[in-house]
Amino acid sequence: MINNIFKDVTIPNQFQIEKLINQELYLVNGDLRSWSGETSPVNSAIFIENSEGNLERKVIGSVPSMAEENALEALDAAYDAYDKGRGEWPTMKVEERIKCIEEFAKMMVGTRDEVVKCMMWEIGKTYTDSCKEFDRTIEYIADTIQDLKEMDRKHSNLQLHSGVYAQVRRGPLGVVLCMGPYNYPLNETFCLLIPALICGNTTVFKPAKYGILLLSPLLEAFQKCFPKGVVNLIYGRGRVLAAPIMKTGKVDVLALIGNSKSANALQHLHPKQNRLRLVLGLEAKNPGIVLPDCDIDLAVQECVLGSLSFNGQRCTALKILFVHKDIVDEFNKKFVEQVSKLKYGLPWDDNVSLTPLPEPDKPSYIKELVEDAVANGAKVLNENGGESIDSFTFPAVVYPANENMRVFHEEQFGPIVPIVPYGDIEDALNYVSESNYGQQVSLFSNSADSLAPLIDMMVNQVCRVNINAQCQRGPDVFPFVGRKDSAVSTLSVHDAIRSFSIRTLVAFKGNNLNKKVLNTLLDTKQSNFVNTHYIL
């Protein structure tokens, strides 16, 4: 029986929330406005003993619960700021937009402690991982700036082909509706927001259902660093806010990391779908395929990390493991041993790996999956597997998993690890090819002869093949994308800039009149687009 992690809790001073964080401001059209309407409580993933000795979910603050008219007001602000491409932000020099982003990053650095603390309390992410997420986001912003500078330098030269001079650059797309996920509420949200902004788009930004208050310390930076209407931050339910926004047809880009059902529903509300660009990061059911000639200790280590980092709440998590029957008993024994060594507790505990879950229904859902697996022939291999205390669930390793089980097909997004024994590699390959998802796969083998044919097949089914390593997003300079129902467009430092912009050019036939006009434009620097300025 697992110990109750919520009993007799001592909260270190640096992580204390001494008073409720009631978010009373929201950002629309450059104004930090006071909210006096209905609010929604922000519940922590952590349970705390009350004065009567009973455990209850800690309420750490509140956020506005906005209505349709608030969403449309924010949309109009973004729409007017873009002004059909004539606004200050989309016509601004690239160098000036970069300066705004750099100033924002400087202000953001000063909020690190506040943001990290909110992340820990809201979604149960460990202190170490919360710090990593913040620092990685700052690094992502710096890398995005550097990549755009390099891109702009290449575009600073005129091209001449067949007697035609051209200046080719990337231009903005328009108004972006940005909706991030709860599991990486800072990093993955900013991997949408920052490239959208730096390319000259204006935005309406709605945070995820969980991981909301961590944005509060950043509101002032958004207001001070960007022209009015460029960033508009609204709070509330997606159905209430996003649906009416999409119905107007004023959104040019839907940028969403989350659920495919939500993405499909929103894009179908748009009256002019051919004008709508999609930048989507959706579900995944990434498999690990363990071959008999692998380094079994390495495979176990990577599979434990891949399946249970942040309690398995990652789109890149290993969500099903195929292990060859000749080594599966040894693999299972070592896997269970490693899981039993994972420390469980609260986000501020030293060396903690397993923490409470932010979604109230997730423990009961994991229990359903475990019971279904057992009913269909599996056993829970590890001690305490699947046991829950309020918002905490200890990981369950279920074996042998088969196609009759829900966990074989559903993306569990939580702490349950199904292990499937196989004799014929075709069983694992068919699973990947028949899956609705196609993000990544991990292959474990010491043999190039074994790996070569699998690599050549897998690259045509998924977008990243990891060799002897867990699935993962980083480094952020590498492409991050998925096939099938896993993604639309590519998110990474280099590719995200392309996802939120479009190649456009100004062309001059090489006659004397146009040469004169072109020289004047270049000499006087009247145009922000047609110029040969080199950003250092």
Protein backbone atom coordinates (compact mmCIF):
# COMPACT_ATOMS: atom_id res chain seq x y z
CA MET A 1 0.00 0.00 0.00
CA ILE A 2 1.43 3.38 -1.00
CA ASN A 3 1.86 6.02 1.65
CA ASN A 4 -0.46 9.01 1.62
CA ILE A 5 1.75 11.78 0.23
CA PHE A 6 -0.73 14.46 1.30
CA LYS A 7 -0.55 13.70 5.01
CA ASP A 8 1.65 15.72 7.36
CA VAL A 9 2.99 17.85 4.53
CA THR A 10 5.67 20.45 5.21
CA ILE A 11 5.82 23.04 2.46
CA PRO A 12 9.21 24.76 2.07
CA ASN A 13 9.00 28.52 2.52
CA GLN A 14 10.01 29.29 -1.07
CA PHE A 15 7.04 27.32 -2.38
CA GLN A 16 4.39 28.62 0.02
CA ILE A 17 1.37 30.33 -1.50
CA GLU A 18 0.56 32.76 1.28
CA LYS A 19 -2.50 34.30 -0.36
CA LEU A 20 -4.79 33.42 -3.22
CA ILE A 21 -3.59 34.41 -6.69
CA ASN A 22 -6.77 35.99 -8.00
CA GLN A 23 -6.18 36.99 -11.58
CA GLU A 24 -8.17 40.20 -11.79
CA LEU A 25 -6.59 41.59 -14.96
CA TYR A 26 -6.77 40.56 -18.58
CA LEU A 27 -5.07 41.98 -21.67
CA VAL A 28 -7.05 43.32 -24.63
CA ASN A 29 -5.98 45.96 -27.15
CA GLY A 30 -2.92 46.91 -25.14
CA ASP A 31 -4.86 47.58 -21.93
CA LEU A 32 -4.63 45.61 -18.70
CA ARG A 33 -8.29 45.69 -17.80
CA SER A 34 -9.89 44.87 -14.47
CA TRP A 35 -12.34 42.00 -14.46
CA SER A 36 -15.45 42.33 -12.33
CA GLY A 37 -17.50 39.46 -13.74
CA GLU A 38 -17.81 35.78 -12.96
CA THR A 39 -14.64 33.92 -11.99
CA SER A 40 -13.56 30.28 -11.84
CA PRO A 41 -11.45 28.81 -9.03
CA VAL A 42 -8.02 27.46 -9.89
CA ASN A 43 -7.56 24.13 -8.16
CA SER A 44 -4.15 22.67 -7.48
CA ALA A 45 -3.14 19.13 -8.32
CA ILE A 46 -2.16 18.92 -4.63
CA PHE A 47 -4.44 18.01 -1.74
CA ILE A 48 -3.91 19.73 1.62
CA GLU A 49 -5.30 18.91 5.05
CA ASN A 50 -7.92 21.40 6.21
CA SER A 51 -8.51 22.54 9.76
CA GLU A 52 -10.64 19.46 10.41
CA GLY A 53 -7.90 17.09 9.30
CA ASN A 54 -9.63 16.17 6.04
CA LEU A 55 -7.87 16.29 2.68
CA GLU A 56 -9.18 18.69 0.07
CA ARG A 57 -7.85 19.94 -3.23
CA LYS A 58 -5.97 23.18 -2.62
CA VAL A 59 -7.56 26.25 -4.20
CA ILE A 60 -4.71 28.57 -5.16
CA GLY A 61 -6.58 31.37 -6.93
CA SER A 62 -9.12 32.30 -9.54
CA VAL A 63 -9.32 33.50 -13.13
CA PRO A 64 -11.97 35.34 -15.13
CA SER A 65 -14.69 33.23 -16.66
CA MET A 66 -15.24 35.23 -19.80
CA ALA A 67 -18.15 35.21 -22.21
CA GLU A 68 -18.56 35.35 -25.98
CA GLU A 69 -18.61 39.14 -26.14
CA ASN A 70 -15.22 39.28 -24.37
CA ALA A 71 -13.75 36.84 -26.87
CA LEU A 72 -15.07 38.84 -29.82
CA GLU A 73 -13.70 42.06 -28.34
CA ALA A 74 -10.24 40.48 -28.13
CA LEU A 75 -10.57 39.19 -31.67
CA ASP A 76 -11.53 42.62 -32.97
CA ALA A 77 -8.47 44.09 -31.25
CA ALA A 78 -6.19 41.60 -32.99
CA TYR A 79 -8.03 42.06 -36.30
CA ASP A 80 -7.72 45.84 -36.11
CA ALA A 81 -4.06 45.65 -35.10
CA TYR A 82 -3.34 43.54 -38.19
CA ASP A 83 -5.53 45.92 -40.23
CA LYS A 84 -5.52 43.74 -43.35
CA GLY A 85 -1.72 43.73 -43.30
CA ARG A 86 -1.41 47.50 -42.95
CA GLY A 87 -1.00 47.65 -39.19
CA GLU A 88 2.06 48.77 -37.30
CA TRP A 89 3.14 45.26 -36.31
CA PRO A 90 2.89 43.43 -39.67
CA THR A 91 4.59 46.30 -41.55
CA MET A 92 7.29 46.81 -38.95
CA LYS A 93 10.91 46.09 -39.81
CA VAL A 94 11.98 42.58 -38.80
CA GLU A 95 14.76 44.09 -36.68
CA GLU A 96 12.24 46.15 -34.70
CA ARG A 97 10.00 43.15 -34.07
CA ILE A 98 13.04 41.25 -32.83
CA LYS A 99 13.79 44.05 -30.37
CA CYS A 100 10.26 43.74 -28.97
CA ILE A 101 10.68 40.00 -28.47
CA GLU A 102 14.09 40.50 -26.87
CA GLU A 103 12.68 43.04 -24.42
CA PHE A 104 9.86 40.64 -23.59
CA ALA A 105 12.38 37.85 -22.88
CA LYS A 106 14.34 40.14 -20.55
CA MET A 107 11.23 40.94 -18.55
CA MET A 108 10.19 37.31 -18.56
CA VAL A 109 13.46 36.20 -16.94
CA GLY A 110 12.56 38.26 -13.88
CA THR A 111 9.36 36.23 -13.35
CA ARG A 112 11.08 32.82 -13.17
CA ASP A 113 10.44 32.05 -9.50
CA GLU A 114 6.77 33.05 -9.67
CA VAL A 115 6.11 31.10 -12.87
CA VAL A 116 7.88 27.98 -11.60
CA LYS A 117 5.98 28.01 -8.31
CA CYS A 118 2.63 28.34 -10.08
CA MET A 119 3.52 25.50 -12.43
CA MET A 120 4.33 23.20 -9.53
CA TRP A 121 1.09 23.92 -7.70
CA GLU A 122 -1.20 23.95 -10.73
CA ILE A 123 -0.09 20.87 -12.68
CA GLY A 124 2.06 18.98 -10.17
CA LYS A 125 5.28 19.27 -12.20
CA THR A 126 8.44 18.78 -10.15
CA TYR A 127 10.54 21.78 -9.21
CA THR A 128 13.41 20.53 -11.37
CA ASP A 129 11.21 19.98 -14.42
CA SER A 130 9.39 23.28 -13.92
CA CYS A 131 12.73 25.11 -13.89
CA LYS A 132 13.80 23.21 -17.01
CA GLU A 133 10.60 24.19 -18.78
CA PHE A 134 11.09 27.85 -17.99
CA ASP A 135 14.76 27.88 -18.99
CA ARG A 136 14.06 25.90 -22.14
CA THR A 137 11.44 28.46 -23.13
CA ILE A 138 13.91 31.32 -22.74
CA GLU A 139 16.38 29.36 -24.85
CA TYR A 140 13.68 28.71 -27.45
CA ILE A 141 12.98 32.44 -27.73
CA ALA A 142 16.70 33.18 -28.20
CA ASP A 143 17.04 30.44 -30.83
CA THR A 144 13.97 31.72 -32.68
CA ILE A 145 15.43 35.24 -32.79
CA GLN A 146 18.73 33.94 -34.07
CA ASP A 147 17.07 31.81 -36.74
CA LEU A 148 14.96 34.71 -37.98
CA LYS A 149 18.04 36.93 -38.15
CA GLU A 150 19.83 34.34 -40.29
CA MET A 151 16.79 33.98 -42.50
CA ASP A 152 16.46 37.72 -42.96
CA ARG A 153 20.16 38.01 -43.86
CA LYS A 154 19.68 35.52 -46.67
CA HIS A 155 16.65 37.46 -47.89
CA SER A 156 18.48 40.79 -47.83
CA ASN A 157 19.95 40.10 -51.26
CA LEU A 158 18.09 40.83 -54.49
CA GLN A 159 17.64 37.98 -56.92
CA LEU A 160 17.89 38.32 -60.71
CA HIS A 161 16.47 35.68 -63.00
CA SER A 162 15.40 35.96 -66.63
CA GLY A 163 15.61 39.73 -66.52
CA VAL A 164 13.46 40.07 -63.40
CA TYR A 165 14.72 41.46 -60.09
CA ALA A 166 12.97 40.16 -56.98
CA GLN A 167 13.12 40.60 -53.25
CA VAL A 168 11.85 37.44 -51.59
CA ARG A 169 10.92 37.48 -47.90
CA ARG A 170 8.51 35.79 -45.55
CA GLY A 171 5.38 37.71 -44.63
CA PRO A 172 2.79 37.26 -41.85
CA LEU A 173 -0.47 35.40 -42.29
CA GLY A 174 -2.83 37.54 -40.20
CA VAL A 175 -4.71 36.85 -36.98
CA VAL A 176 -3.69 33.77 -34.98
CA LEU A 177 -5.88 32.02 -32.41
CA CYS A 178 -3.36 30.39 -30.07
CA MET A 179 -4.35 27.63 -27.63
CA GLY A 180 -1.68 25.72 -25.70
CA PRO A 181 -1.67 22.47 -23.68
CA TYR A 182 -1.74 21.95 -19.91
CA ASN A 183 1.21 19.57 -19.68
CA TYR A 184 3.72 22.13 -20.99
CA PRO A 185 1.68 25.29 -20.41
CA LEU A 186 4.65 27.61 -20.85
CA ASN A 187 7.05 25.97 -23.28
CA GLU A 188 4.69 24.47 -25.84
CA THR A 189 2.36 27.46 -25.71
CA PHE A 190 5.27 29.80 -26.39
CA CYS A 191 6.46 27.51 -29.20
CA LEU A 192 3.23 28.64 -30.89
CA LEU A 193 3.02 32.20 -29.65
CA ILE A 194 6.59 33.45 -30.13
CA PRO A 195 7.05 32.41 -33.79
CA ALA A 196 3.56 33.69 -34.57
CA LEU A 197 4.43 37.10 -33.12
CA ILE A 198 7.94 37.43 -34.49
CA CYS A 199 6.63 36.79 -38.01
CA GLY A 200 4.30 39.80 -37.74
CA ASN A 201 0.99 38.14 -36.90
CA THR A 202 -1.39 39.42 -34.25
CA THR A 203 -2.80 37.01 -31.69
CA VAL A 204 -5.68 36.01 -29.47
CA PHE A 205 -4.26 33.75 -26.80
CA LYS A 206 -6.34 31.45 -24.59
CA PRO A 207 -4.43 29.45 -21.95
CA ALA A 208 -5.10 25.78 -21.29
CA LYS A 209 -7.63 24.59 -18.72
CA TYR A 210 -4.80 23.85 -16.26
CA GLY A 211 -1.60 25.85 -15.91
CA ILE A 212 -3.28 29.26 -16.13
CA LEU A 213 -1.97 31.34 -13.25
CA LEU A 214 1.66 30.94 -14.31
CA LEU A 215 0.92 33.45 -17.08
CA SER A 216 -0.15 36.13 -14.61
CA PRO A 217 3.40 37.39 -13.96
CA LEU A 218 3.86 37.84 -17.73
CA LEU A 219 0.87 40.09 -18.43
CA GLU A 220 2.78 43.30 -17.80
CA ALA A 221 5.57 42.19 -20.12
CA PHE A 222 3.08 41.44 -22.89
CA GLN A 223 1.51 44.84 -22.45
CA LYS A 224 4.75 46.83 -22.38
CA CYS A 225 6.66 45.05 -25.13
CA PHE A 226 4.11 44.85 -27.95
CA PRO A 227 1.93 47.43 -29.73
CA LYS A 228 -1.72 47.45 -28.72
CA GLY A 229 -3.81 44.61 -30.06
CA VAL A 230 -0.85 42.42 -30.97
CA VAL A 231 -1.25 40.15 -27.92
CA ASN A 232 -4.71 39.65 -26.42
CA LEU A 233 -5.03 37.21 -23.52
CA ILE A 234 -8.45 35.89 -22.53
CA TYR A 235 -9.61 33.37 -19.93
CA GLY A 236 -12.44 30.89 -19.96
CA ARG A 237 -13.78 27.72 -21.55
CA GLY A 238 -12.75 26.89 -25.09
CA ARG A 239 -16.30 26.16 -26.21
CA VAL A 240 -17.47 29.55 -25.00
CA LEU A 241 -14.56 31.60 -26.33
CA ALA A 242 -12.97 29.81 -29.28
CA ALA A 243 -16.12 28.76 -31.10
CA PRO A 244 -17.54 32.26 -31.69
CA ILE A 245 -14.09 33.51 -32.65
CA MET A 246 -13.79 30.88 -35.37
CA LYS A 247 -17.29 31.49 -36.68
CA THR A 248 -16.41 35.08 -37.60
CA GLY A 249 -13.95 34.01 -40.27
CA LYS A 250 -11.48 36.63 -39.01
CA VAL A 251 -8.95 34.04 -37.85
CA ASP A 252 -6.23 33.24 -40.38
CA VAL A 253 -4.32 30.62 -38.34
CA LEU A 254 -5.57 28.12 -35.77
CA ALA A 255 -2.56 27.22 -33.61
CA LEU A 256 -3.49 24.52 -31.12
CA ILE A 257 -1.73 21.84 -29.14
CA GLY A 258 -4.23 19.45 -27.68
CA ASN A 259 -7.01 17.16 -28.79
CA SER A 260 -7.86 16.34 -32.41
CA LYS A 261 -11.60 16.41 -31.70
CA SER A 262 -11.33 19.99 -30.49
CA ALA A 263 -9.18 20.95 -33.46
CA ASN A 264 -11.58 19.36 -35.94
CA ALA A 265 -14.59 21.00 -34.35
CA LEU A 266 -12.99 24.46 -34.40
CA GLN A 267 -11.71 24.38 -37.95
CA HIS A 268 -15.10 23.26 -39.24
CA LEU A 269 -16.67 26.35 -37.69
CA HIS A 270 -14.61 28.62 -39.94
CA PRO A 271 -16.71 29.87 -42.88
CA LYS A 272 -13.72 30.02 -45.26
CA GLN A 273 -11.67 26.92 -44.49
CA ASN A 274 -9.39 27.27 -47.52
CA ARG A 275 -8.10 30.51 -45.99
CA LEU A 276 -7.43 28.92 -42.62
CA ARG A 277 -3.93 27.66 -41.93
CA LEU A 278 -3.59 24.97 -39.28
CA VAL A 279 -0.67 24.58 -36.90
CA LEU A 280 -1.64 21.62 -34.71
CA GLY A 281 0.10 19.33 -32.26
CA LEU A 282 -2.29 16.51 -31.40
CA GLU A 283 -2.40 13.01 -29.92
CA ALA A 284 0.24 10.32 -30.22
CA LYS A 285 0.58 6.68 -29.23
CA ASN A 286 4.33 6.33 -29.57
CA PRO A 287 5.56 2.74 -29.34
CA GLY A 288 8.85 1.41 -28.11
CA ILE A 289 10.03 -1.68 -30.00
CA VAL A 290 12.62 -3.72 -28.10
CA LEU A 291 14.54 -6.22 -30.24
CA PRO A 292 16.17 -9.37 -28.80
CA ASP A 293 19.69 -8.10 -29.62
CA CYS A 294 19.35 -4.89 -27.59
CA ASP A 295 21.28 -3.64 -24.58
CA ILE A 296 18.50 -4.60 -22.21
CA ASP A 297 19.62 -2.38 -19.32
CA LEU A 298 19.73 0.66 -21.61
CA ALA A 299 16.35 -0.25 -23.12
CA VAL A 300 14.77 -0.55 -19.67
CA GLN A 301 16.25 2.75 -18.52
CA GLU A 302 15.03 4.65 -21.58
CA CYS A 303 11.60 2.98 -21.59
CA VAL A 304 10.99 3.83 -17.93
CA LEU A 305 11.94 7.46 -18.57
CA GLY A 306 10.01 7.56 -21.81
CA SER A 307 6.82 6.11 -20.41
CA LEU A 308 6.70 7.75 -16.97
CA SER A 309 8.43 11.16 -17.12
CA PHE A 310 5.88 13.67 -15.80
CA ASN A 311 3.65 10.69 -15.04
CA GLY A 312 3.34 9.84 -18.74
CA GLN A 313 1.58 13.13 -19.46
CA ARG A 314 3.52 13.96 -22.61
CA CYS A 315 2.49 13.60 -26.24
CA THR A 316 6.00 12.23 -26.86
CA ALA A 317 5.75 9.63 -24.09
CA LEU A 318 6.24 5.96 -24.89
CA LYS A 319 2.66 4.76 -24.51
CA ILE A 320 3.04 1.11 -25.49
CA LEU A 321 6.05 -1.23 -25.45
CA PHE A 322 6.59 -4.18 -27.79
CA VAL A 323 9.22 -6.53 -26.34
CA HIS A 324 10.49 -9.67 -28.05
CA LYS A 325 9.31 -12.85 -26.34
CA ASP A 326 12.87 -14.18 -25.93
CA ILE A 327 13.79 -11.33 -23.57
CA VAL A 328 10.42 -10.14 -22.28
CA ASP A 329 10.65 -11.90 -18.90
CA GLU A 330 14.03 -10.34 -18.15
CA PHE A 331 12.88 -6.98 -19.49
CA ASN A 332 9.75 -7.03 -17.33
CA LYS A 333 11.69 -7.94 -14.20
CA LYS A 334 14.17 -5.11 -14.68
CA PHE A 335 11.47 -2.67 -15.76
CA VAL A 336 9.42 -3.32 -12.62
CA GLU A 337 12.54 -2.99 -10.47
CA GLN A 338 13.24 0.44 -11.96
CA VAL A 339 9.64 1.60 -11.54
CA SER A 340 9.70 0.54 -7.88
CA LYS A 341 12.72 2.81 -7.36
CA LEU A 342 10.94 5.90 -8.67
CA LYS A 343 10.32 8.27 -5.79
CA TYR A 344 6.78 9.52 -5.46
CA GLY A 345 5.74 12.62 -3.60
CA LEU A 346 5.07 16.33 -4.00
CA PRO A 347 6.68 18.62 -6.59
CA TRP A 348 9.11 20.23 -4.14
CA ASP A 349 10.42 16.93 -2.74
CA ASP A 350 14.05 16.18 -3.58
CA ASN A 351 14.60 13.70 -6.43
CA VAL A 352 10.86 13.11 -6.83
CA SER A 353 9.71 11.50 -10.09
CA LEU A 354 6.01 10.73 -9.62
CA THR A 355 3.63 13.50 -8.57
CA PRO A 356 -0.12 14.26 -8.37
CA LEU A 357 -2.17 14.54 -11.56
CA PRO A 358 -3.89 17.85 -12.43
CA GLU A 359 -6.91 16.35 -14.22
CA PRO A 360 -9.55 15.43 -11.62
CA ASP A 361 -10.87 12.48 -13.65
CA LYS A 362 -7.49 11.00 -14.61
CA PRO A 363 -7.06 8.63 -11.60
CA SER A 364 -10.45 7.02 -12.25
CA TYR A 365 -9.66 6.78 -15.97
CA ILE A 366 -6.36 5.01 -15.27
CA LYS A 367 -8.22 2.65 -12.95
CA GLU A 368 -10.69 1.84 -15.75
CA LEU A 369 -7.84 1.03 -18.13
CA VAL A 370 -6.16 -1.22 -15.57
CA GLU A 371 -9.39 -3.09 -14.80
CA ASP A 372 -10.10 -3.50 -18.51
CA ALA A 373 -6.59 -4.86 -19.13
CA VAL A 374 -6.94 -7.35 -16.27
CA ALA A 375 -10.35 -8.42 -17.52
CA ASN A 376 -8.77 -9.15 -20.89
CA GLY A 377 -5.94 -11.30 -19.62
CA ALA A 378 -3.24 -8.97 -18.31
CA LYS A 379 -1.67 -8.81 -14.87
CA VAL A 380 -0.36 -5.80 -12.99
CA LEU A 381 3.29 -6.71 -12.63
CA ASN A 382 4.41 -4.13 -10.11
CA GLU A 383 3.54 -3.74 -6.46
CA ASN A 384 1.08 -0.90 -5.83
CA GLY A 385 0.49 -0.58 -9.58
CA GLY A 386 -2.64 1.48 -10.24
CA GLU A 387 -3.24 2.40 -6.59
CA SER A 388 -4.58 5.92 -6.09
CA ILE A 389 -4.82 8.44 -3.29
CA ASP A 390 -6.93 11.41 -4.32
CA SER A 391 -5.07 13.01 -7.25
CA PHE A 392 -2.07 10.68 -7.12
CA THR A 393 -1.88 7.37 -8.99
CA PHE A 394 1.07 5.00 -8.76
CA PRO A 395 2.11 3.67 -12.21
CA ALA A 396 0.70 0.35 -13.35
CA VAL A 397 2.76 -1.97 -15.55
CA VAL A 398 0.32 -4.32 -17.31
CA TYR A 399 1.37 -7.49 -19.14
CA PRO A 400 0.68 -9.15 -21.51
CA ALA A 401 -1.22 -6.41 -23.32
CA ASN A 402 -3.22 -7.30 -26.42
CA GLU A 403 -5.52 -5.74 -29.01
CA ASN A 404 -8.66 -6.46 -26.98
CA MET A 405 -7.64 -3.93 -24.33
CA ARG A 406 -8.52 -0.24 -24.38
CA VAL A 407 -4.98 0.73 -23.40
CA PHE A 408 -3.73 -1.01 -26.55
CA HIS A 409 -5.52 1.63 -28.64
CA GLU A 410 -6.27 4.67 -26.47
CA GLU A 411 -3.72 7.36 -25.69
CA GLN A 412 -3.67 7.01 -21.90
CA PHE A 413 -1.71 10.22 -21.20
CA GLY A 414 -1.02 8.99 -17.71
CA PRO A 415 0.85 6.44 -15.55
CA ILE A 416 0.00 3.07 -17.08
CA VAL A 417 2.50 1.11 -19.19
CA PRO A 418 1.20 -1.72 -21.42
CA ILE A 419 3.83 -4.25 -22.50
CA VAL A 420 3.12 -6.44 -25.53
CA PRO A 421 5.17 -9.60 -26.18
CA TYR A 422 5.88 -10.37 -29.83
CA GLY A 423 7.58 -13.14 -31.78
CA ASP A 424 7.26 -11.73 -35.28
CA ILE A 425 8.45 -8.15 -35.84
CA GLU A 426 5.58 -7.73 -38.30
CA ASP A 427 3.21 -7.54 -35.32
CA ALA A 428 4.91 -4.39 -34.06
CA LEU A 429 5.30 -2.92 -37.55
CA ASN A 430 1.63 -3.49 -38.35
CA TYR A 431 0.65 -1.75 -35.12
CA VAL A 432 2.53 1.35 -36.22
CA SER A 433 1.22 1.32 -39.77
CA GLU A 434 -2.40 0.72 -38.74
CA SER A 435 -2.36 3.30 -35.93
CA ASN A 436 -4.26 6.56 -36.29
CA TYR A 437 -1.15 8.29 -35.02
CA GLY A 438 2.28 8.81 -36.49
CA GLN A 439 4.48 10.97 -34.34
CA GLN A 440 7.52 8.93 -33.21
CA VAL A 441 8.85 5.46 -32.43
CA SER A 442 11.77 4.19 -30.37
CA LEU A 443 13.82 1.21 -31.61
CA PHE A 444 16.17 -0.67 -29.30
CA SER A 445 18.90 -2.85 -30.81
CA ASN A 446 22.70 -3.14 -30.90
CA SER A 447 22.71 -4.35 -34.49
CA ALA A 448 22.87 -2.13 -37.56
CA ASP A 449 21.67 -5.13 -39.59
CA SER A 450 18.53 -5.35 -37.45
CA LEU A 451 17.89 -1.62 -37.39
CA ALA A 452 18.47 -0.71 -41.04
CA PRO A 453 15.28 -2.24 -42.53
CA LEU A 454 13.18 -1.05 -39.59
CA ILE A 455 14.46 2.51 -39.95
CA ASP A 456 13.66 2.56 -43.66
CA MET A 457 10.12 1.38 -42.97
CA MET A 458 9.45 3.51 -39.91
CA VAL A 459 10.46 6.83 -41.49
CA ASN A 460 7.51 6.38 -43.83
CA GLN A 461 5.08 5.93 -40.94
CA VAL A 462 6.29 8.33 -38.24
CA CYS A 463 8.23 11.59 -38.25
CA ARG A 464 11.03 10.71 -35.85
CA VAL A 465 12.74 7.40 -35.26
CA ASN A 466 14.72 7.31 -32.01
CA ILE A 467 17.52 4.76 -31.80
CA ASN A 468 18.15 3.33 -28.32
CA ALA A 469 16.49 6.36 -26.76
CA GLN A 470 13.08 7.48 -25.55
CA CYS A 471 10.84 9.57 -27.77
CA GLN A 472 11.26 13.28 -27.21
CA ARG A 473 10.77 16.69 -28.74
CA GLY A 474 14.18 18.28 -28.33
CA PRO A 475 16.56 19.65 -29.25
CA ASP A 476 14.14 22.31 -30.45
CA VAL A 477 16.18 23.00 -33.57
CA PHE A 478 15.11 19.60 -34.94
CA PRO A 479 11.75 19.23 -36.72
CA PHE A 480 8.83 18.34 -34.47
CA VAL A 481 5.87 17.06 -36.43
CA GLY A 482 3.59 14.08 -36.87
CA ARG A 483 1.73 12.14 -39.52
CA LYS A 484 -1.92 11.11 -39.63
CA ASP A 485 -3.90 12.46 -36.65
CA SER A 486 -0.80 13.50 -34.68
CA ALA A 487 -0.04 16.92 -36.16
CA VAL A 488 -0.47 19.48 -38.91
CA SER A 489 2.52 21.70 -39.81
CA THR A 490 5.94 21.50 -38.21
CA LEU A 491 6.95 22.96 -34.87
CA SER A 492 10.62 23.59 -34.16
CA VAL A 493 12.74 26.71 -34.10
CA HIS A 494 13.40 26.76 -37.83
CA ASP A 495 10.16 25.28 -39.12
CA ALA A 496 7.76 27.16 -36.84
CA ILE A 497 8.78 30.44 -38.48
CA ARG A 498 7.71 28.93 -41.78
CA SER A 499 4.49 27.60 -40.31
CA PHE A 500 3.46 31.11 -39.22
CA SER A 501 4.53 32.94 -42.36
CA ILE A 502 4.41 32.71 -46.13
CA ARG A 503 6.93 33.40 -48.87
CA THR A 504 6.09 36.60 -50.67
CA LEU A 505 8.05 38.76 -53.11
CA VAL A 506 8.20 42.07 -54.93
CA ALA A 507 9.28 41.74 -58.58
CA PHE A 508 10.70 44.33 -61.00
CA LYS A 509 11.24 43.79 -64.69
CA GLY A 510 14.80 44.85 -65.38
CA ASN A 511 14.06 47.91 -67.53
CA ASN A 512 15.54 51.37 -66.97
CA LEU A 513 12.46 52.76 -65.23
CA ASN A 514 12.28 49.93 -62.71
CA LYS A 515 16.02 50.01 -62.09
CA LYS A 516 15.69 53.68 -61.19
CA VAL A 517 12.75 53.02 -58.85
CA LEU A 518 14.50 50.07 -57.27
CA ASN A 519 17.70 52.05 -56.66
CA THR A 520 15.71 54.86 -55.08
CA LEU A 521 13.91 52.43 -52.76
CA LEU A 522 17.19 50.89 -51.68
CA ASP A 523 18.99 54.21 -51.25
CA THR A 524 16.24 55.95 -49.29
CA LYS A 525 15.19 52.85 -47.27
CA GLN A 526 11.56 53.95 -47.52
CA SER A 527 10.28 50.37 -47.69
CA ASN A 528 10.59 47.93 -44.83
CA PHE A 529 10.18 45.05 -47.28
CA VAL A 530 12.35 46.10 -50.23
CA ASN A 531 15.74 46.74 -48.65
CA THR A 532 19.16 45.19 -48.38
CA HIS A 533 19.68 45.96 -44.69
CA TYR A 534 21.71 43.24 -42.97
CA ILE A 535 20.70 42.44 -39.37
CA LEU A 536 23.74 41.84 -37.19
